[in-house]
PDB file of N, CA and C in Angstrom:
ATOM      1  N   MET A   1       0.750  -1.273  -0.048  1.00  0.00           N
ATOM      2  CA  MET A   1      -0.092   0.111  -0.105  1.00  0.00           C
ATOM      3  C   MET A   1       1.046   1.226  -0.129  1.00  0.00           C
ATOM      4  N   ALA A   2       0.602   2.009  -0.851  1.00  0.00           N
ATOM      5  CA  ALA A   2       1.359   3.542  -1.041  1.00  0.00           C
ATOM      6  C   ALA A   2       0.993   4.355   0.012  1.00  0.00           C
ATOM      7  N   GLU A   3       2.163   5.082   0.547  1.00  0.00           N
ATOM      8  CA  GLU A   3       1.710   6.090   1.521  1.00  0.00           C
ATOM      9  C   GLU A   3       0.688   7.144   0.945  1.00  0.00           C
ATOM     10  N   GLU A   4       0.002   7.754   1.712  1.00  0.00           N
ATOM     11  CA  GLU A   4      -0.980   8.971   1.246  1.00  0.00           C
ATOM     12  C   GLU A   4      -0.559  10.097   2.416  1.00  0.00           C
ATOM     13  N   VAL A   5       0.229  11.139   1.491  1.00  0.00           N
ATOM     14  CA  VAL A   5       0.442  12.255   2.243  1.00  0.00           C
ATOM     15  C   VAL A   5      -0.254  13.581   2.050  1.00  0.00           C
ATOM     16  N   LYS A   6      -0.952  14.463   2.894  1.00  0.00           N
ATOM     17  CA  LYS A   6      -1.583  15.371   2.389  1.00  0.00           C
ATOM     18  C   LYS A   6      -1.064  16.678   3.484  1.00  0.00           C
ATOM     19  N   LEU A   7      -1.097  17.703   2.745  1.00  0.00           N
ATOM     20  CA  LEU A   7      -0.780  18.980   3.642  1.00  0.00           C
ATOM     21  C   LEU A   7      -1.935  19.886   3.269  1.00  0.00           C
ATOM     22  N   TYR A   8      -2.619  20.504   4.151  1.00  0.00           N
ATOM     23  CA  TYR A   8      -3.647  21.664   4.138  1.00  0.00           C
ATOM     24  C   TYR A   8      -2.925  22.845   4.799  1.00  0.00           C
ATOM     25  N   GLY A   9      -2.795  23.940   3.790  1.00  0.00           N
ATOM     26  CA  GLY A   9      -2.236  25.135   4.165  1.00  0.00           C
ATOM     27  C   GLY A   9      -2.770  26.411   3.508  1.00  0.00           C
ATOM     28  N   ALA A  10      -1.906  27.210   3.879  1.00  0.00           N
ATOM     29  CA  ALA A  10      -2.196  28.567   3.367  1.00  0.00           C
ATOM     30  C   ALA A  10      -1.228  29.462   2.737  1.00  0.00           C
ATOM     31  N   TRP A  11      -1.579  29.898   1.471  1.00  0.00           N
ATOM     32  CA  TRP A  11      -0.115  30.487   0.952  1.00  0.00           C
ATOM     33  C   TRP A  11       0.229  31.642   1.535  1.00  0.00           C
ATOM     34  N   GLY A  12       1.486  31.833   2.071  1.00  0.00           N
ATOM     35  CA  GLY A  12       1.850  32.990   2.612  1.00  0.00           C
ATOM     36  C   GLY A  12       1.990  32.971   4.214  1.00  0.00           C
ATOM     37  N   SER A  13       1.554  31.804   4.602  1.00  0.00           N
ATOM     38  CA  SER A  13       1.608  31.471   6.023  1.00  0.00           C
ATOM     39  C   SER A  13       2.932  30.816   6.262  1.00  0.00           C
ATOM     40  N   PRO A  14       3.614  31.321   7.255  1.00  0.00           N
ATOM     41  CA  PRO A  14       5.094  30.688   7.686  1.00  0.00           C
ATOM     42  C   PRO A  14       4.827  29.391   8.159  1.00  0.00           C
ATOM     43  N   PHE A  15       3.857  29.032   8.788  1.00  0.00           N
ATOM     44  CA  PHE A  15       3.675  27.797   9.455  1.00  0.00           C
ATOM     45  C   PHE A  15       3.521  26.694   8.387  1.00  0.00           C
ATOM     46  N   SER A  16       2.509  26.943   7.614  1.00  0.00           N
ATOM     47  CA  SER A  16       2.451  26.211   6.315  1.00  0.00           C
ATOM     48  C   SER A  16       3.575  26.024   5.356  1.00  0.00           C
ATOM     49  N   ASN A  17       4.382  27.134   5.288  1.00  0.00           N
ATOM     50  CA  ASN A  17       5.637  27.077   4.498  1.00  0.00           C
ATOM     51  C   ASN A  17       6.652  26.150   5.095  1.00  0.00           C
ATOM     52  N   ARG A  18       6.719  26.066   6.396  1.00  0.00           N
ATOM     53  CA  ARG A  18       7.804  25.222   7.015  1.00  0.00           C
ATOM     54  C   ARG A  18       7.713  23.795   7.039  1.00  0.00           C
ATOM     55  N   VAL A  19       6.247  23.396   6.974  1.00  0.00           N
ATOM     56  CA  VAL A  19       5.964  21.856   6.875  1.00  0.00           C
ATOM     57  C   VAL A  19       6.124  21.791   5.298  1.00  0.00           C
ATOM     58  N   ASP A  20       5.778  22.700   4.347  1.00  0.00           N
ATOM     59  CA  ASP A  20       5.877  22.448   2.915  1.00  0.00           C
ATOM     60  C   ASP A  20       7.531  22.096   2.919  1.00  0.00           C
ATOM     61  N   ILE A  21       8.439  23.125   3.386  1.00  0.00           N
ATOM     62  CA  ILE A  21       9.894  22.999   3.092  1.00  0.00           C
ATOM     63  C   ILE A  21      10.374  21.602   3.700  1.00  0.00           C
ATOM     64  N   ALA A  22       9.845  21.053   4.940  1.00  0.00           N
ATOM     65  CA  ALA A  22      10.443  20.063   5.579  1.00  0.00           C
ATOM     66  C   ALA A  22      10.134  18.838   4.708  1.00  0.00           C
ATOM     67  N   LEU A  23       8.907  18.789   4.156  1.00  0.00           N
ATOM     68  CA  LEU A  23       8.443  17.703   3.387  1.00  0.00           C
ATOM     69  C   LEU A  23       9.364  17.438   1.994  1.00  0.00           C
ATOM     70  N   ARG A  24       9.750  18.606   1.583  1.00  0.00           N
ATOM     71  CA  ARG A  24      10.490  18.748   0.290  1.00  0.00           C
ATOM     72  C   ARG A  24      12.007  18.304   0.600  1.00  0.00           C
ATOM     73  N   LEU A  25      12.589  18.813   1.783  1.00  0.00           N
ATOM     74  CA  LEU A  25      13.934  18.363   2.273  1.00  0.00           C
ATOM     75  C   LEU A  25      13.906  16.941   2.273  1.00  0.00           C
ATOM     76  N   LYS A  26      12.731  16.403   2.899  1.00  0.00           N
ATOM     77  CA  LYS A  26      13.102  14.721   3.224  1.00  0.00           C
ATOM     78  C   LYS A  26      12.470  14.301   1.834  1.00  0.00           C
ATOM     79  N   GLY A  27      12.199  14.732   0.863  1.00  0.00           N
ATOM     80  CA  GLY A  27      11.941  14.252  -0.296  1.00  0.00           C
ATOM     81  C   GLY A  27      10.611  13.305  -0.209  1.00  0.00           C
ATOM     82  N   VAL A  28       9.562  13.657   0.447  1.00  0.00           N
ATOM     83  CA  VAL A  28       8.459  12.982   0.756  1.00  0.00           C
ATOM     84  C   VAL A  28       7.393  13.426  -0.338  1.00  0.00           C
ATOM     85  N   ASP A  29       6.771  12.589  -1.170  1.00  0.00           N
ATOM     86  CA  ASP A  29       5.660  12.859  -2.126  1.00  0.00           C
ATOM     87  C   ASP A  29       4.611  13.190  -1.362  1.00  0.00           C
ATOM     88  N   TYR A  30       3.817  14.354  -1.767  1.00  0.00           N
ATOM     89  CA  TYR A  30       2.327  14.810  -0.979  1.00  0.00           C
ATOM     90  C   TYR A  30       1.604  15.476  -1.869  1.00  0.00           C
ATOM     91  N   LYS A  31       0.464  15.743  -1.495  1.00  0.00           N
ATOM     92  CA  LYS A  31      -0.543  16.631  -2.219  1.00  0.00           C
ATOM     93  C   LYS A  31      -0.640  17.650  -1.248  1.00  0.00           C
ATOM     94  N   TYR A  32      -0.750  18.943  -1.839  1.00  0.00           N
ATOM     95  CA  TYR A  32      -0.810  20.067  -0.927  1.00  0.00           C
ATOM     96  C   TYR A  32      -2.266  20.795  -1.501  1.00  0.00           C
ATOM     97  N   PHE A  33      -3.102  21.173  -0.414  1.00  0.00           N
ATOM     98  CA  PHE A  33      -4.417  21.532  -0.593  1.00  0.00           C
ATOM     99  C   PHE A  33      -4.467  23.236  -0.250  1.00  0.00           C
ATOM    100  N   ASP A  34      -4.361  24.268  -0.870  1.00  0.00           N
ATOM    101  CA  ASP A  34      -4.529  25.448  -0.319  1.00  0.00           C
ATOM    102  C   ASP A  34      -5.793  25.857   0.074  1.00  0.00           C
ATOM    103  N   VAL A  35      -5.842  26.359   1.189  1.00  0.00           N
ATOM    104  CA  VAL A  35      -7.090  26.642   2.174  1.00  0.00           C
ATOM    105  C   VAL A  35      -7.499  27.990   2.043  1.00  0.00           C
ATOM    106  N   GLU A  36      -8.327  28.333   1.267  1.00  0.00           N
ATOM    107  CA  GLU A  36      -8.582  29.977   1.450  1.00  0.00           C
ATOM    108  C   GLU A  36      -9.735  30.164   2.522  1.00  0.00           C
ATOM    109  N   PHE A  37      -9.597  31.472   3.108  1.00  0.00           N
ATOM    110  CA  PHE A  37     -10.595  31.856   4.019  1.00  0.00           C
ATOM    111  C   PHE A  37     -11.433  33.041   3.596  1.00  0.00           C
ATOM    112  N   PRO A  38     -12.516  33.129   3.652  1.00  0.00           N
ATOM    113  CA  PRO A  38     -13.491  31.877   4.049  1.00  0.00           C
ATOM    114  C   PRO A  38     -13.947  31.283   2.880  1.00  0.00           C
ATOM    115  N   SER A  39     -14.038  29.915   3.259  1.00  0.00           N
ATOM    116  CA  SER A  39     -14.383  29.141   2.078  1.00  0.00           C
ATOM    117  C   SER A  39     -15.127  27.827   2.579  1.00  0.00           C
ATOM    118  N   ASN A  40     -15.522  26.885   1.601  1.00  0.00           N
ATOM    119  CA  ASN A  40     -16.282  25.643   1.989  1.00  0.00           C
ATOM    120  C   ASN A  40     -14.956  24.943   2.230  1.00  0.00           C
ATOM    121  N   SER A  41     -14.065  25.085   1.707  1.00  0.00           N
ATOM    122  CA  SER A  41     -12.661  23.984   1.946  1.00  0.00           C
ATOM    123  C   SER A  41     -12.140  24.455   3.385  1.00  0.00           C
ATOM    124  N   ALA A  42     -12.395  25.508   4.023  1.00  0.00           N
ATOM    125  CA  ALA A  42     -12.125  25.556   5.293  1.00  0.00           C
ATOM    126  C   ALA A  42     -12.633  24.416   6.117  1.00  0.00           C
ATOM    127  N   SER A  43     -13.696  23.838   5.881  1.00  0.00           N
ATOM    128  CA  SER A  43     -14.161  22.568   6.786  1.00  0.00           C
ATOM    129  C   SER A  43     -13.338  21.501   7.034  1.00  0.00           C
ATOM    130  N   SER A  44     -12.140  21.563   6.055  1.00  0.00           N
ATOM    131  CA  SER A  44     -11.280  20.244   6.303  1.00  0.00           C
ATOM    132  C   SER A  44     -10.306  20.860   7.638  1.00  0.00           C
ATOM    133  N   ILE A  45     -10.197  22.177   7.869  1.00  0.00           N
ATOM    134  CA  ILE A  45      -9.356  22.607   9.254  1.00  0.00           C
ATOM    135  C   ILE A  45     -10.280  22.119  10.254  1.00  0.00           C
ATOM    136  N   ILE A  46     -11.692  22.371  10.329  1.00  0.00           N
ATOM    137  CA  ILE A  46     -12.611  21.862  11.429  1.00  0.00           C
ATOM    138  C   ILE A  46     -12.341  20.284  11.658  1.00  0.00           C
ATOM    139  N   LYS A  47     -12.325  19.640  10.245  1.00  0.00           N
ATOM    140  CA  LYS A  47     -12.354  18.018  10.260  1.00  0.00           C
ATOM    141  C   LYS A  47     -10.786  17.678  11.124  1.00  0.00           C
ATOM    142  N   TYR A  48      -9.624  18.101  10.453  1.00  0.00           N
ATOM    143  CA  TYR A  48      -8.321  17.668  10.946  1.00  0.00           C
ATOM    144  C   TYR A  48      -7.764  18.421  12.338  1.00  0.00           C
ATOM    145  N   ASN A  49      -8.437  19.508  12.499  1.00  0.00           N
ATOM    146  CA  ASN A  49      -7.828  20.352  13.498  1.00  0.00           C
ATOM    147  C   ASN A  49      -8.739  20.832  14.524  1.00  0.00           C
ATOM    148  N   PRO A  50      -9.927  20.314  15.106  1.00  0.00           N
ATOM    149  CA  PRO A  50     -11.293  20.685  15.736  1.00  0.00           C
ATOM    150  C   PRO A  50     -10.742  21.618  16.776  1.00  0.00           C
ATOM    151  N   VAL A  51      -9.375  21.506  17.655  1.00  0.00           N
ATOM    152  CA  VAL A  51      -9.534  22.088  18.632  1.00  0.00           C
ATOM    153  C   VAL A  51      -8.716  23.463  18.507  1.00  0.00           C
ATOM    154  N   TYR A  52      -7.834  23.698  17.404  1.00  0.00           N
ATOM    155  CA  TYR A  52      -7.611  25.098  17.380  1.00  0.00           C
ATOM    156  C   TYR A  52      -7.906  25.785  16.050  1.00  0.00           C
ATOM    157  N   LYS A  53      -8.492  24.813  15.297  1.00  0.00           N
ATOM    158  CA  LYS A  53      -9.155  25.476  13.949  1.00  0.00           C
ATOM    159  C   LYS A  53      -8.168  26.342  12.952  1.00  0.00           C
ATOM    160  N   THR A  54      -6.725  25.743  12.990  1.00  0.00           N
ATOM    161  CA  THR A  54      -5.949  26.400  12.346  1.00  0.00           C
ATOM    162  C   THR A  54      -5.118  25.648  11.470  1.00  0.00           C
ATOM    163  N   LEU A  55      -4.253  26.278  10.832  1.00  0.00           N
ATOM    164  CA  LEU A  55      -3.467  25.610   9.385  1.00  0.00           C
ATOM    165  C   LEU A  55      -2.089  25.629   9.944  1.00  0.00           C
ATOM    166  N   PRO A  56      -1.230  24.797   9.442  1.00  0.00           N
ATOM    167  CA  PRO A  56      -1.664  23.746   8.721  1.00  0.00           C
ATOM    168  C   PRO A  56      -2.184  22.546   9.289  1.00  0.00           C
ATOM    169  N   ASP A  57      -2.451  21.624   8.453  1.00  0.00           N
ATOM    170  CA  ASP A  57      -2.790  20.315   8.791  1.00  0.00           C
ATOM    171  C   ASP A  57      -2.268  19.382   7.950  1.00  0.00           C
ATOM    172  N   PHE A  58      -1.599  18.177   8.645  1.00  0.00           N
ATOM    173  CA  PHE A  58      -0.807  17.267   8.100  1.00  0.00           C
ATOM    174  C   PHE A  58      -1.974  15.916   8.073  1.00  0.00           C
ATOM    175  N   VAL A  59      -1.832  15.286   7.057  1.00  0.00           N
ATOM    176  CA  VAL A  59      -2.469  13.877   7.223  1.00  0.00           C
ATOM    177  C   VAL A  59      -1.590  12.838   6.592  1.00  0.00           C
ATOM    178  N   HIS A  60      -1.432  11.868   7.114  1.00  0.00           N
ATOM    179  CA  HIS A  60      -0.581  10.667   6.756  1.00  0.00           C
ATOM    180  C   HIS A  60      -1.178   9.433   7.042  1.00  0.00           C
ATOM    181  N   ASN A  61      -1.496   8.929   5.852  1.00  0.00           N
ATOM    182  CA  ASN A  61      -2.504   7.649   5.838  1.00  0.00           C
ATOM    183  C   ASN A  61      -3.638   7.631   6.506  1.00  0.00           C
ATOM    184  N   GLU A  62      -4.415   8.909   6.426  1.00  0.00           N
ATOM    185  CA  GLU A  62      -5.443   9.232   7.014  1.00  0.00           C
ATOM    186  C   GLU A  62      -5.328   9.586   8.704  1.00  0.00           C
ATOM    187  N   SER A  63      -4.100   9.566   8.977  1.00  0.00           N
ATOM    188  CA  SER A  63      -4.108  10.143  10.392  1.00  0.00           C
ATOM    189  C   SER A  63      -3.676  11.477  10.495  1.00  0.00           C
ATOM    190  N   PRO A  64      -4.413  12.378  11.172  1.00  0.00           N
ATOM    191  CA  PRO A  64      -3.874  13.743  10.978  1.00  0.00           C
ATOM    192  C   PRO A  64      -3.164  14.241  12.218  1.00  0.00           C
ATOM    193  N   THR A  65      -2.433  15.251  12.029  1.00  0.00           N
ATOM    194  CA  THR A  65      -1.535  15.828  12.831  1.00  0.00           C
ATOM    195  C   THR A  65      -1.780  17.269  12.691  1.00  0.00           C
ATOM    196  N   ALA A  66      -1.611  18.272  13.635  1.00  0.00           N
ATOM    197  CA  ALA A  66      -1.937  19.641  13.542  1.00  0.00           C
ATOM    198  C   ALA A  66      -0.699  20.344  14.416  1.00  0.00           C
ATOM    199  N   GLU A  67      -0.578  21.622  14.305  1.00  0.00           N
ATOM    200  CA  GLU A  67       0.604  22.489  14.746  1.00  0.00           C
ATOM    201  C   GLU A  67       1.689  22.095  14.143  1.00  0.00           C
ATOM    202  N   SER A  68       2.496  23.281  13.409  1.00  0.00           N
ATOM    203  CA  SER A  68       3.430  22.975  12.632  1.00  0.00           C
ATOM    204  C   SER A  68       4.733  22.382  13.373  1.00  0.00           C
ATOM    205  N   LEU A  69       5.035  22.767  14.603  1.00  0.00           N
ATOM    206  CA  LEU A  69       6.187  22.241  15.079  1.00  0.00           C
ATOM    207  C   LEU A  69       5.859  20.656  15.614  1.00  0.00           C
ATOM    208  N   VAL A  70       4.760  20.379  15.854  1.00  0.00           N
ATOM    209  CA  VAL A  70       4.479  18.895  15.929  1.00  0.00           C
ATOM    210  C   VAL A  70       4.416  18.191  14.494  1.00  0.00           C
ATOM    211  N   ILE A  71       3.980  18.612  13.760  1.00  0.00           N
ATOM    212  CA  ILE A  71       3.997  18.180  12.578  1.00  0.00           C
ATOM    213  C   ILE A  71       5.614  17.788  12.148  1.00  0.00           C
ATOM    214  N   LEU A  72       6.456  18.904  12.052  1.00  0.00           N
ATOM    215  CA  LEU A  72       7.818  18.968  11.894  1.00  0.00           C
ATOM    216  C   LEU A  72       8.593  17.553  12.830  1.00  0.00           C
ATOM    217  N   GLU A  73       8.217  17.341  13.974  1.00  0.00           N
ATOM    218  CA  GLU A  73       8.579  16.305  14.401  1.00  0.00           C
ATOM    219  C   GLU A  73       8.101  15.046  14.244  1.00  0.00           C
ATOM    220  N   TYR A  74       7.018  14.720  13.845  1.00  0.00           N
ATOM    221  CA  TYR A  74       6.365  13.705  13.211  1.00  0.00           C
ATOM    222  C   TYR A  74       6.949  13.291  11.928  1.00  0.00           C
ATOM    223  N   ILE A  75       7.360  14.424  10.986  1.00  0.00           N
ATOM    224  CA  ILE A  75       8.088  14.151   9.714  1.00  0.00           C
ATOM    225  C   ILE A  75       9.510  13.653  10.010  1.00  0.00           C
ATOM    226  N   ASP A  76      10.018  14.265  11.050  1.00  0.00           N
ATOM    227  CA  ASP A  76      11.411  13.870  11.066  1.00  0.00           C
ATOM    228  C   ASP A  76      11.580  12.470  11.807  1.00  0.00           C
ATOM    229  N   GLU A  77      10.662  12.129  12.432  1.00  0.00           N
ATOM    230  CA  GLU A  77      10.627  10.817  13.050  1.00  0.00           C
ATOM    231  C   GLU A  77      10.027   9.692  12.250  1.00  0.00           C
ATOM    232  N   THR A  78       9.286  10.091  11.140  1.00  0.00           N
ATOM    233  CA  THR A  78       8.862   9.001  10.225  1.00  0.00           C
ATOM    234  C   THR A  78       9.839   8.643   9.248  1.00  0.00           C
ATOM    235  N   TRP A  79      10.077   9.927   8.514  1.00  0.00           N
ATOM    236  CA  TRP A  79      11.402   9.801   7.616  1.00  0.00           C
ATOM    237  C   TRP A  79      12.612  10.138   7.919  1.00  0.00           C
ATOM    238  N   LYS A  80      13.418   8.978   8.367  1.00  0.00           N
ATOM    239  CA  LYS A  80      14.900   9.264   8.898  1.00  0.00           C
ATOM    240  C   LYS A  80      15.689   9.942   8.413  1.00  0.00           C
ATOM    241  N   ASP A  81      15.717   9.783   6.941  1.00  0.00           N
ATOM    242  CA  ASP A  81      16.866  10.495   6.168  1.00  0.00           C
ATOM    243  C   ASP A  81      16.955  12.175   6.397  1.00  0.00           C
ATOM    244  N   HIS A  82      18.269  12.803   6.368  1.00  0.00           N
ATOM    245  CA  HIS A  82      18.220  14.079   6.405  1.00  0.00           C
ATOM    246  C   HIS A  82      17.665  14.548   7.733  1.00  0.00           C
ATOM    247  N   PRO A  83      18.036  14.124   8.958  1.00  0.00           N
ATOM    248  CA  PRO A  83      17.386  14.801  10.181  1.00  0.00           C
ATOM    249  C   PRO A  83      17.336  16.336  10.423  1.00  0.00           C
ATOM    250  N   PHE A  84      16.314  16.873  10.882  1.00  0.00           N
ATOM    251  CA  PHE A  84      16.251  18.382  11.012  1.00  0.00           C
ATOM    252  C   PHE A  84      17.149  18.800  12.247  1.00  0.00           C
ATOM    253  N   LEU A  85      17.267  18.054  13.303  1.00  0.00           N
ATOM    254  CA  LEU A  85      18.044  18.564  14.639  1.00  0.00           C
ATOM    255  C   LEU A  85      19.370  17.984  14.500  1.00  0.00           C
ATOM    256  N   PRO A  86      20.275  18.812  15.346  1.00  0.00           N
ATOM    257  CA  PRO A  86      21.545  18.185  15.506  1.00  0.00           C
ATOM    258  C   PRO A  86      21.587  17.111  16.524  1.00  0.00           C
ATOM    259  N   GLN A  87      22.560  16.369  16.543  1.00  0.00           N
ATOM    260  CA  GLN A  87      22.565  15.162  17.481  1.00  0.00           C
ATOM    261  C   GLN A  87      23.010  15.692  18.912  1.00  0.00           C
ATOM    262  N   ASP A  88      23.829  16.834  18.760  1.00  0.00           N
ATOM    263  CA  ASP A  88      24.142  17.164  20.212  1.00  0.00           C
ATOM    264  C   ASP A  88      22.910  17.532  20.914  1.00  0.00           C
ATOM    265  N   LEU A  89      22.917  17.191  21.940  1.00  0.00           N
ATOM    266  CA  LEU A  89      21.630  17.562  22.952  1.00  0.00           C
ATOM    267  C   LEU A  89      21.581  18.757  23.240  1.00  0.00           C
ATOM    268  N   TYR A  90      22.520  19.671  23.594  1.00  0.00           N
ATOM    269  CA  TYR A  90      22.618  21.184  23.596  1.00  0.00           C
ATOM    270  C   TYR A  90      22.205  21.930  22.665  1.00  0.00           C
ATOM    271  N   LYS A  91      22.869  21.378  21.454  1.00  0.00           N
ATOM    272  CA  LYS A  91      22.474  22.387  20.118  1.00  0.00           C
ATOM    273  C   LYS A  91      20.972  21.938  19.739  1.00  0.00           C
ATOM    274  N   ARG A  92      20.211  20.716  20.182  1.00  0.00           N
ATOM    275  CA  ARG A  92      18.997  20.477  19.809  1.00  0.00           C
ATOM    276  C   ARG A  92      18.026  21.007  20.762  1.00  0.00           C
ATOM    277  N   ALA A  93      18.547  21.317  21.881  1.00  0.00           N
ATOM    278  CA  ALA A  93      17.565  22.044  22.572  1.00  0.00           C
ATOM    279  C   ALA A  93      17.720  23.780  22.413  1.00  0.00           C
ATOM    280  N   GLN A  94      18.854  24.275  21.989  1.00  0.00           N
ATOM    281  CA  GLN A  94      18.836  25.348  21.284  1.00  0.00           C
ATOM    282  C   GLN A  94      18.091  25.571  20.046  1.00  0.00           C
ATOM    283  N   ALA A  95      17.769  24.757  19.204  1.00  0.00           N
ATOM    284  CA  ALA A  95      17.222  24.881  17.947  1.00  0.00           C
ATOM    285  C   ALA A  95      15.590  24.851  18.208  1.00  0.00           C
ATOM    286  N   ARG A  96      15.552  24.113  19.441  1.00  0.00           N
ATOM    287  CA  ARG A  96      13.899  23.964  19.716  1.00  0.00           C
ATOM    288  C   ARG A  96      13.624  25.146  20.336  1.00  0.00           C
ATOM    289  N   PHE A  97      14.395  25.790  21.136  1.00  0.00           N
ATOM    290  CA  PHE A  97      14.025  26.952  21.796  1.00  0.00           C
ATOM    291  C   PHE A  97      13.717  28.326  20.896  1.00  0.00           C
ATOM    292  N   TRP A  98      14.551  28.437  19.776  1.00  0.00           N
ATOM    293  CA  TRP A  98      14.435  29.406  18.535  1.00  0.00           C
ATOM    294  C   TRP A  98      13.192  29.012  18.028  1.00  0.00           C
ATOM    295  N   ALA A  99      12.809  27.800  17.717  1.00  0.00           N
ATOM    296  CA  ALA A  99      11.796  27.195  16.804  1.00  0.00           C
ATOM    297  C   ALA A  99      10.396  28.021  17.696  1.00  0.00           C
ATOM    298  N   ARG A 100      10.427  27.747  19.077  1.00  0.00           N
ATOM    299  CA  ARG A 100       9.264  28.163  19.708  1.00  0.00           C
ATOM    300  C   ARG A 100       9.279  29.730  20.009  1.00  0.00           C
ATOM    301  N   PHE A 101      10.274  30.188  20.186  1.00  0.00           N
ATOM    302  CA  PHE A 101      10.599  31.789  20.292  1.00  0.00           C
ATOM    303  C   PHE A 101       9.906  32.290  19.150  1.00  0.00           C
ATOM    304  N   ILE A 102      10.229  32.008  17.802  1.00  0.00           N
ATOM    305  CA  ILE A 102       9.691  32.477  16.725  1.00  0.00           C
ATOM    306  C   ILE A 102       8.143  32.218  16.591  1.00  0.00           C
ATOM    307  N   ASP A 103       7.775  31.006  17.143  1.00  0.00           N
ATOM    308  CA  ASP A 103       6.259  30.922  17.043  1.00  0.00           C
ATOM    309  C   ASP A 103       5.453  31.746  17.789  1.00  0.00           C
ATOM    310  N   ASP A 104       5.968  32.021  19.192  1.00  0.00           N
ATOM    311  CA  ASP A 104       5.524  32.734  19.974  1.00  0.00           C
ATOM    312  C   ASP A 104       5.489  34.294  19.516  1.00  0.00           C
ATOM    313  N   LYS A 105       6.532  34.622  18.547  1.00  0.00           N
ATOM    314  CA  LYS A 105       6.373  36.112  18.117  1.00  0.00           C
ATOM    315  C   LYS A 105       5.700  36.368  17.034  1.00  0.00           C
ATOM    316  N   VAL A 106       5.673  35.202  16.155  1.00  0.00           N
ATOM    317  CA  VAL A 106       5.153  35.318  14.771  1.00  0.00           C
ATOM    318  C   VAL A 106       3.462  35.148  14.729  1.00  0.00           C
ATOM    319  N   LYS A 107       3.243  34.269  15.767  1.00  0.00           N
ATOM    320  CA  LYS A 107       1.567  33.549  15.558  1.00  0.00           C
ATOM    321  C   LYS A 107       0.687  34.918  15.825  1.00  0.00           C
ATOM    322  N   ASP A 108       0.734  35.544  16.985  1.00  0.00           N
ATOM    323  CA  ASP A 108      -0.187  36.510  17.075  1.00  0.00           C
ATOM    324  C   ASP A 108      -0.216  37.733  16.368  1.00  0.00           C
ATOM    325  N   SER A 109       0.927  37.852  15.491  1.00  0.00           N
ATOM    326  CA  SER A 109       0.816  38.863  14.774  1.00  0.00           C
ATOM    327  C   SER A 109       0.529  38.695  13.481  1.00  0.00           C
ATOM    328  N   HIS A 110       0.593  37.347  13.047  1.00  0.00           N
ATOM    329  CA  HIS A 110       0.477  37.209  11.515  1.00  0.00           C
ATOM    330  C   HIS A 110      -1.267  37.087  11.119  1.00  0.00           C
ATOM    331  N   PRO A 111      -1.335  37.721   9.797  1.00  0.00           N
ATOM    332  CA  PRO A 111      -2.734  38.183   9.497  1.00  0.00           C
ATOM    333  C   PRO A 111      -3.675  37.015   9.304  1.00  0.00           C
ATOM    334  N   LEU A 112      -3.187  35.831   8.795  1.00  0.00           N
ATOM    335  CA  LEU A 112      -3.815  34.813   8.725  1.00  0.00           C
ATOM    336  C   LEU A 112      -4.122  34.217  10.171  1.00  0.00           C
ATOM    337  N   HIS A 113      -3.573  34.225  11.105  1.00  0.00           N
ATOM    338  CA  HIS A 113      -4.052  33.770  12.621  1.00  0.00           C
ATOM    339  C   HIS A 113      -5.176  34.401  13.160  1.00  0.00           C
ATOM    340  N   THR A 114      -4.829  36.003  12.808  1.00  0.00           N
ATOM    341  CA  THR A 114      -6.147  36.656  13.217  1.00  0.00           C
ATOM    342  C   THR A 114      -7.288  36.406  12.493  1.00  0.00           C
ATOM    343  N   LEU A 115      -7.361  36.327  11.275  1.00  0.00           N
ATOM    344  CA  LEU A 115      -8.513  36.030  10.497  1.00  0.00           C
ATOM    345  C   LEU A 115      -9.210  34.511  10.905  1.00  0.00           C
ATOM    346  N   VAL A 116      -8.415  33.554  11.046  1.00  0.00           N
ATOM    347  CA  VAL A 116      -8.560  32.161  11.552  1.00  0.00           C
ATOM    348  C   VAL A 116      -9.384  32.270  12.913  1.00  0.00           C
ATOM    349  N   MET A 117      -8.904  32.953  14.003  1.00  0.00           N
ATOM    350  CA  MET A 117      -9.417  33.133  15.195  1.00  0.00           C
ATOM    351  C   MET A 117     -10.737  34.115  15.190  1.00  0.00           C
ATOM    352  N   SER A 118     -10.778  35.001  14.240  1.00  0.00           N
ATOM    353  CA  SER A 118     -12.008  35.643  14.139  1.00  0.00           C
ATOM    354  C   SER A 118     -13.207  34.814  13.474  1.00  0.00           C
ATOM    355  N   LEU A 119     -12.795  33.651  12.873  1.00  0.00           N
ATOM    356  CA  LEU A 119     -13.811  32.743  12.353  1.00  0.00           C
ATOM    357  C   LEU A 119     -14.255  31.924  13.360  1.00  0.00           C
ATOM    358  N   SER A 120     -13.575  31.529  14.246  1.00  0.00           N
ATOM    359  CA  SER A 120     -13.862  30.768  15.197  1.00  0.00           C
ATOM    360  C   SER A 120     -14.977  31.396  16.279  1.00  0.00           C
TER     361      SER A 120
END
C-alpha cells in the first residue's frame, strides 16, 4: 500500500511553509491543498484540527496531525533521512528554543492567524 500524505495549508503562512519545506527536504511525495478563508474548503480545518481550527494540517495515511512544530517532529521521526535537529543535545535544545521563540513572536501578529481566530 502506498503512503498517502496530504498537507492543508495557506499561501503565505510561515507555519504552512515550514511544513512544505520540511516535506521537500525529506523528499516526501505529498498532495498540497491551499485553503482559502473564508470558504467551504475551510471545513477540512475543522475536520483535521477541531481544537485550534488552524493551519497547517498534515494527514499521513488518514491520520491527522496539527500544529506545525508537532508536524515537523512527526515528519522527522517518520522519514529518518536528513534529520532536522543536530545530534548534540545542547544544540538540539537551542534549535527547539528558537523554533518556539519564533512561533510565539510570529503567531499572534500574523494576519492569517487573526483571520482564523475571528472565524472560530
